[in-house]
N, C-alpha and C. Protein backbone atom coordinates (compact mmCIF):
# COMPACT_ATOMS: atom_id res chain seq x y z
N UNK A 1 0.83 -1.20 0.00
CA UNK A 1 0.00 0.00 0.00
C UNK A 1 0.87 1.25 0.00
N UNK A 2 0.48 2.22 -0.78
CA UNK A 2 1.24 3.47 -0.80
C UNK A 2 0.56 4.56 0.02
N UNK A 3 -0.55 4.26 0.65
CA UNK A 3 -1.32 5.29 1.35
C UNK A 3 -0.48 6.12 2.32
N UNK A 4 0.45 5.51 3.03
CA UNK A 4 1.24 6.22 4.01
C UNK A 4 2.63 6.57 3.54
N UNK A 5 2.95 6.38 2.28
CA UNK A 5 4.29 6.60 1.75
C UNK A 5 4.42 7.91 1.00
N UNK A 6 5.65 8.42 0.93
CA UNK A 6 5.98 9.48 -0.01
C UNK A 6 6.24 8.80 -1.34
N UNK A 7 5.79 9.39 -2.42
CA UNK A 7 5.92 8.73 -3.72
C UNK A 7 5.98 9.76 -4.84
N UNK A 8 6.30 9.29 -6.01
CA UNK A 8 6.18 10.08 -7.22
C UNK A 8 5.49 9.20 -8.25
N UNK A 9 5.10 9.80 -9.35
CA UNK A 9 4.43 9.06 -10.42
C UNK A 9 4.50 9.89 -11.69
N UNK A 10 3.95 9.37 -12.75
CA UNK A 10 3.89 10.12 -14.00
C UNK A 10 3.09 11.39 -13.76
N UNK A 11 3.73 12.57 -13.88
CA UNK A 11 3.00 13.82 -13.62
C UNK A 11 1.93 14.09 -14.68
N UNK A 12 0.89 14.73 -14.25
CA UNK A 12 -0.23 15.04 -15.15
C UNK A 12 0.24 15.87 -16.35
N UNK A 13 1.17 16.82 -16.13
CA UNK A 13 1.62 17.65 -17.25
C UNK A 13 2.32 16.82 -18.32
N UNK A 14 3.04 15.77 -17.93
CA UNK A 14 3.70 14.91 -18.92
C UNK A 14 2.68 14.06 -19.66
N UNK A 15 1.75 13.48 -18.92
CA UNK A 15 0.74 12.62 -19.54
C UNK A 15 -0.14 13.43 -20.49
N UNK A 16 -0.55 14.60 -20.06
CA UNK A 16 -1.40 15.46 -20.89
C UNK A 16 -0.64 15.93 -22.13
N UNK A 17 0.63 16.29 -21.96
CA UNK A 17 1.43 16.75 -23.10
C UNK A 17 1.61 15.66 -24.14
N UNK A 18 1.89 14.43 -23.70
CA UNK A 18 2.04 13.31 -24.65
C UNK A 18 0.76 13.14 -25.46
N UNK A 19 -0.37 13.26 -24.79
CA UNK A 19 -1.65 13.14 -25.49
C UNK A 19 -1.85 14.27 -26.50
N UNK A 20 -1.62 15.50 -26.05
CA UNK A 20 -1.87 16.66 -26.92
C UNK A 20 -0.93 16.70 -28.12
N UNK A 21 0.32 16.28 -27.93
CA UNK A 21 1.30 16.30 -29.02
C UNK A 21 1.08 15.18 -30.03
N UNK A 22 0.39 14.13 -29.65
CA UNK A 22 0.26 12.97 -30.53
C UNK A 22 -1.17 12.66 -30.97
N UNK A 23 -2.15 13.37 -30.43
CA UNK A 23 -3.55 13.06 -30.73
C UNK A 23 -3.83 13.06 -32.23
N UNK A 24 -3.26 14.01 -32.96
CA UNK A 24 -3.52 14.13 -34.38
C UNK A 24 -3.15 12.86 -35.14
N UNK A 25 -2.17 12.11 -34.62
CA UNK A 25 -1.73 10.90 -35.31
C UNK A 25 -2.17 9.61 -34.62
N UNK A 26 -2.15 9.63 -33.28
CA UNK A 26 -2.41 8.39 -32.53
C UNK A 26 -3.79 8.33 -31.88
N UNK A 27 -4.57 9.38 -32.03
CA UNK A 27 -5.89 9.38 -31.40
C UNK A 27 -5.78 9.30 -29.89
N UNK A 28 -6.54 8.43 -29.27
CA UNK A 28 -6.56 8.31 -27.81
C UNK A 28 -5.51 7.35 -27.26
N UNK A 29 -4.44 7.09 -28.00
CA UNK A 29 -3.41 6.15 -27.58
C UNK A 29 -2.89 6.45 -26.18
N UNK A 30 -2.66 7.71 -25.86
CA UNK A 30 -2.14 8.09 -24.54
C UNK A 30 -3.24 8.40 -23.52
N UNK A 31 -4.49 8.17 -23.85
CA UNK A 31 -5.59 8.36 -22.90
C UNK A 31 -6.34 7.04 -22.78
N UNK A 32 -5.67 6.04 -22.28
CA UNK A 32 -6.27 4.72 -22.20
C UNK A 32 -7.04 4.50 -20.90
N UNK A 33 -6.91 5.43 -19.96
CA UNK A 33 -7.60 5.30 -18.67
C UNK A 33 -8.47 6.53 -18.45
N UNK A 34 -9.54 6.41 -17.69
CA UNK A 34 -10.43 7.55 -17.48
C UNK A 34 -9.83 8.68 -16.64
N UNK A 35 -8.83 8.38 -15.82
CA UNK A 35 -8.22 9.40 -14.96
C UNK A 35 -6.73 9.47 -15.23
N UNK A 36 -6.14 10.62 -14.95
CA UNK A 36 -4.70 10.76 -15.06
C UNK A 36 -4.03 9.98 -13.93
N UNK A 37 -2.82 9.45 -14.19
CA UNK A 37 -2.09 8.68 -13.19
C UNK A 37 -1.91 9.51 -11.91
N UNK A 38 -1.52 10.76 -12.05
CA UNK A 38 -1.30 11.62 -10.87
C UNK A 38 -2.57 11.73 -10.03
N UNK A 39 -3.71 11.87 -10.66
CA UNK A 39 -4.97 11.97 -9.92
C UNK A 39 -5.27 10.68 -9.16
N UNK A 40 -5.01 9.54 -9.80
CA UNK A 40 -5.27 8.26 -9.13
C UNK A 40 -4.32 8.05 -7.95
N UNK A 41 -3.07 8.43 -8.12
CA UNK A 41 -2.11 8.26 -7.02
C UNK A 41 -2.47 9.19 -5.87
N UNK A 42 -2.80 10.45 -6.17
CA UNK A 42 -3.21 11.38 -5.10
C UNK A 42 -4.39 10.83 -4.30
N UNK A 43 -5.33 10.22 -5.00
CA UNK A 43 -6.52 9.66 -4.33
C UNK A 43 -6.16 8.48 -3.42
N UNK A 44 -5.07 7.78 -3.73
CA UNK A 44 -4.66 6.62 -2.93
C UNK A 44 -3.83 6.99 -1.71
N UNK A 45 -3.36 8.23 -1.65
CA UNK A 45 -2.50 8.67 -0.54
C UNK A 45 -3.32 9.21 0.62
N UNK A 46 -2.73 9.17 1.80
CA UNK A 46 -3.38 9.74 2.98
C UNK A 46 -3.43 11.26 2.92
N UNK A 47 -2.37 11.87 2.37
CA UNK A 47 -2.26 13.33 2.27
C UNK A 47 -1.64 13.69 0.93
N UNK A 48 -2.13 14.73 0.31
CA UNK A 48 -1.62 15.16 -0.99
C UNK A 48 -0.16 15.54 -0.97
N UNK A 49 0.35 15.98 0.18
CA UNK A 49 1.75 16.38 0.29
C UNK A 49 2.70 15.20 0.16
N UNK A 50 2.20 13.98 0.23
CA UNK A 50 3.05 12.80 0.08
C UNK A 50 3.52 12.62 -1.37
N UNK A 51 2.80 13.21 -2.32
CA UNK A 51 3.18 13.10 -3.72
C UNK A 51 4.22 14.16 -4.03
N UNK A 52 5.39 13.72 -4.50
CA UNK A 52 6.48 14.62 -4.87
C UNK A 52 6.61 14.54 -6.39
N UNK A 53 6.26 15.61 -7.08
CA UNK A 53 6.22 15.59 -8.54
C UNK A 53 7.63 15.66 -9.13
N UNK A 54 8.53 16.37 -8.51
CA UNK A 54 9.90 16.49 -9.01
C UNK A 54 10.04 17.62 -10.01
N UNK A 55 11.25 17.80 -10.53
CA UNK A 55 11.49 18.90 -11.47
C UNK A 55 10.75 18.71 -12.78
N UNK A 56 10.34 19.80 -13.38
CA UNK A 56 9.64 19.74 -14.66
C UNK A 56 10.64 19.49 -15.77
N UNK A 57 10.42 18.45 -16.51
CA UNK A 57 11.30 18.12 -17.63
C UNK A 57 10.49 17.42 -18.71
N UNK A 58 10.88 17.63 -19.93
CA UNK A 58 10.24 16.95 -21.05
C UNK A 58 11.25 16.18 -21.89
N UNK A 59 12.44 16.71 -22.00
CA UNK A 59 13.40 16.14 -22.94
C UNK A 59 14.62 15.52 -22.28
N UNK A 60 14.94 15.90 -21.08
CA UNK A 60 16.13 15.37 -20.43
C UNK A 60 15.80 14.09 -19.68
N UNK A 61 16.63 13.08 -19.90
CA UNK A 61 16.44 11.81 -19.22
C UNK A 61 17.77 11.34 -18.68
N UNK A 62 17.70 10.58 -17.61
CA UNK A 62 18.92 10.03 -17.03
C UNK A 62 19.52 8.97 -17.94
N UNK A 63 20.82 8.75 -17.74
CA UNK A 63 21.52 7.70 -18.48
C UNK A 63 22.24 6.80 -17.48
N UNK A 64 22.91 5.80 -17.98
CA UNK A 64 23.64 4.89 -17.10
C UNK A 64 24.76 5.59 -16.35
N UNK A 65 25.30 6.69 -16.91
CA UNK A 65 26.41 7.38 -16.25
C UNK A 65 26.05 8.78 -15.76
N UNK A 66 24.86 9.27 -16.09
CA UNK A 66 24.45 10.61 -15.66
C UNK A 66 23.02 10.57 -15.13
N UNK A 67 22.90 10.61 -13.81
CA UNK A 67 21.58 10.58 -13.16
C UNK A 67 21.02 11.99 -12.90
N UNK A 68 21.76 13.03 -13.26
CA UNK A 68 21.35 14.39 -12.91
C UNK A 68 19.92 14.74 -13.34
N UNK A 69 19.47 14.41 -14.55
CA UNK A 69 18.10 14.77 -14.93
C UNK A 69 17.03 13.85 -14.36
N UNK A 70 17.42 12.72 -13.80
CA UNK A 70 16.45 11.72 -13.31
C UNK A 70 15.94 12.09 -11.92
N UNK A 71 14.82 11.48 -11.54
CA UNK A 71 14.20 11.77 -10.26
C UNK A 71 13.51 10.53 -9.72
N UNK A 72 13.78 10.19 -8.48
CA UNK A 72 13.08 9.12 -7.79
C UNK A 72 12.76 9.58 -6.37
N UNK A 73 11.82 8.92 -5.76
CA UNK A 73 11.48 9.17 -4.36
C UNK A 73 11.66 7.85 -3.62
N UNK A 74 12.34 7.93 -2.48
CA UNK A 74 12.56 6.76 -1.64
C UNK A 74 11.88 6.99 -0.30
N UNK A 75 11.16 6.00 0.15
CA UNK A 75 10.52 6.05 1.47
C UNK A 75 10.64 4.65 2.08
N UNK A 76 11.64 4.49 2.92
CA UNK A 76 11.91 3.17 3.47
C UNK A 76 12.36 2.24 2.36
N UNK A 77 11.73 1.08 2.26
CA UNK A 77 12.08 0.11 1.21
C UNK A 77 11.38 0.40 -0.11
N UNK A 78 10.49 1.38 -0.11
CA UNK A 78 9.70 1.73 -1.30
C UNK A 78 10.46 2.74 -2.16
N UNK A 79 10.54 2.49 -3.46
CA UNK A 79 11.19 3.39 -4.41
C UNK A 79 10.23 3.62 -5.58
N UNK A 80 10.07 4.88 -5.98
CA UNK A 80 9.19 5.18 -7.11
C UNK A 80 9.89 6.14 -8.07
N UNK A 81 9.50 6.08 -9.33
CA UNK A 81 10.02 6.96 -10.36
C UNK A 81 8.86 7.47 -11.20
N UNK A 82 9.12 8.48 -12.04
CA UNK A 82 8.04 9.12 -12.78
C UNK A 82 7.80 8.55 -14.17
N UNK A 83 8.88 8.30 -14.91
CA UNK A 83 8.74 7.94 -16.31
C UNK A 83 9.98 7.18 -16.76
N UNK A 84 10.03 6.65 -17.99
CA UNK A 84 11.20 5.88 -18.43
C UNK A 84 12.51 6.65 -18.38
N UNK A 85 12.48 7.96 -18.42
CA UNK A 85 13.69 8.77 -18.31
C UNK A 85 14.35 8.67 -16.95
N UNK A 86 13.67 8.11 -15.98
CA UNK A 86 14.21 7.91 -14.64
C UNK A 86 14.69 6.47 -14.41
N UNK A 87 14.63 5.64 -15.42
CA UNK A 87 14.84 4.20 -15.26
C UNK A 87 16.22 3.82 -14.74
N UNK A 88 17.27 4.46 -15.22
CA UNK A 88 18.62 4.09 -14.75
C UNK A 88 18.79 4.40 -13.26
N UNK A 89 18.37 5.56 -12.84
CA UNK A 89 18.47 5.91 -11.42
C UNK A 89 17.58 4.99 -10.59
N UNK A 90 16.38 4.73 -11.07
CA UNK A 90 15.44 3.83 -10.38
C UNK A 90 16.08 2.46 -10.20
N UNK A 91 16.67 1.92 -11.25
CA UNK A 91 17.31 0.61 -11.18
C UNK A 91 18.48 0.62 -10.20
N UNK A 92 19.29 1.68 -10.22
CA UNK A 92 20.41 1.76 -9.29
C UNK A 92 19.95 1.79 -7.84
N UNK A 93 18.85 2.50 -7.56
CA UNK A 93 18.31 2.56 -6.21
C UNK A 93 17.80 1.19 -5.77
N UNK A 94 17.15 0.47 -6.68
CA UNK A 94 16.66 -0.87 -6.35
C UNK A 94 17.83 -1.84 -6.12
N UNK A 95 18.83 -1.77 -6.97
CA UNK A 95 19.99 -2.65 -6.82
C UNK A 95 20.73 -2.38 -5.51
N UNK A 96 20.76 -1.14 -5.09
CA UNK A 96 21.44 -0.80 -3.84
C UNK A 96 20.75 -1.45 -2.64
N UNK A 97 19.47 -1.79 -2.78
CA UNK A 97 18.72 -2.41 -1.69
C UNK A 97 18.93 -3.93 -1.60
N UNK A 98 19.53 -4.51 -2.62
CA UNK A 98 19.74 -5.97 -2.63
C UNK A 98 20.95 -6.37 -1.79
């Protein structure tokens, strides 16, 4: 359960932007659910302040050797990331727990 955890998730601005930039070609491809991920996660938390959106980015993503643009939230054994651009940092944080 994430209700009592600090977390991050796909921010609404990223999800909405992907939809708006691609609708002309992909239709509803990026709107496969009735609610935005951020809205669903906020509803699952005890307090809205537990959601940490992180820095606004659209084009910069982390790499295997540069985690500067990436963002994750750690709360105890729980680790969360926002999007595939955070994958390398997310994986490193998970591996550090093994």
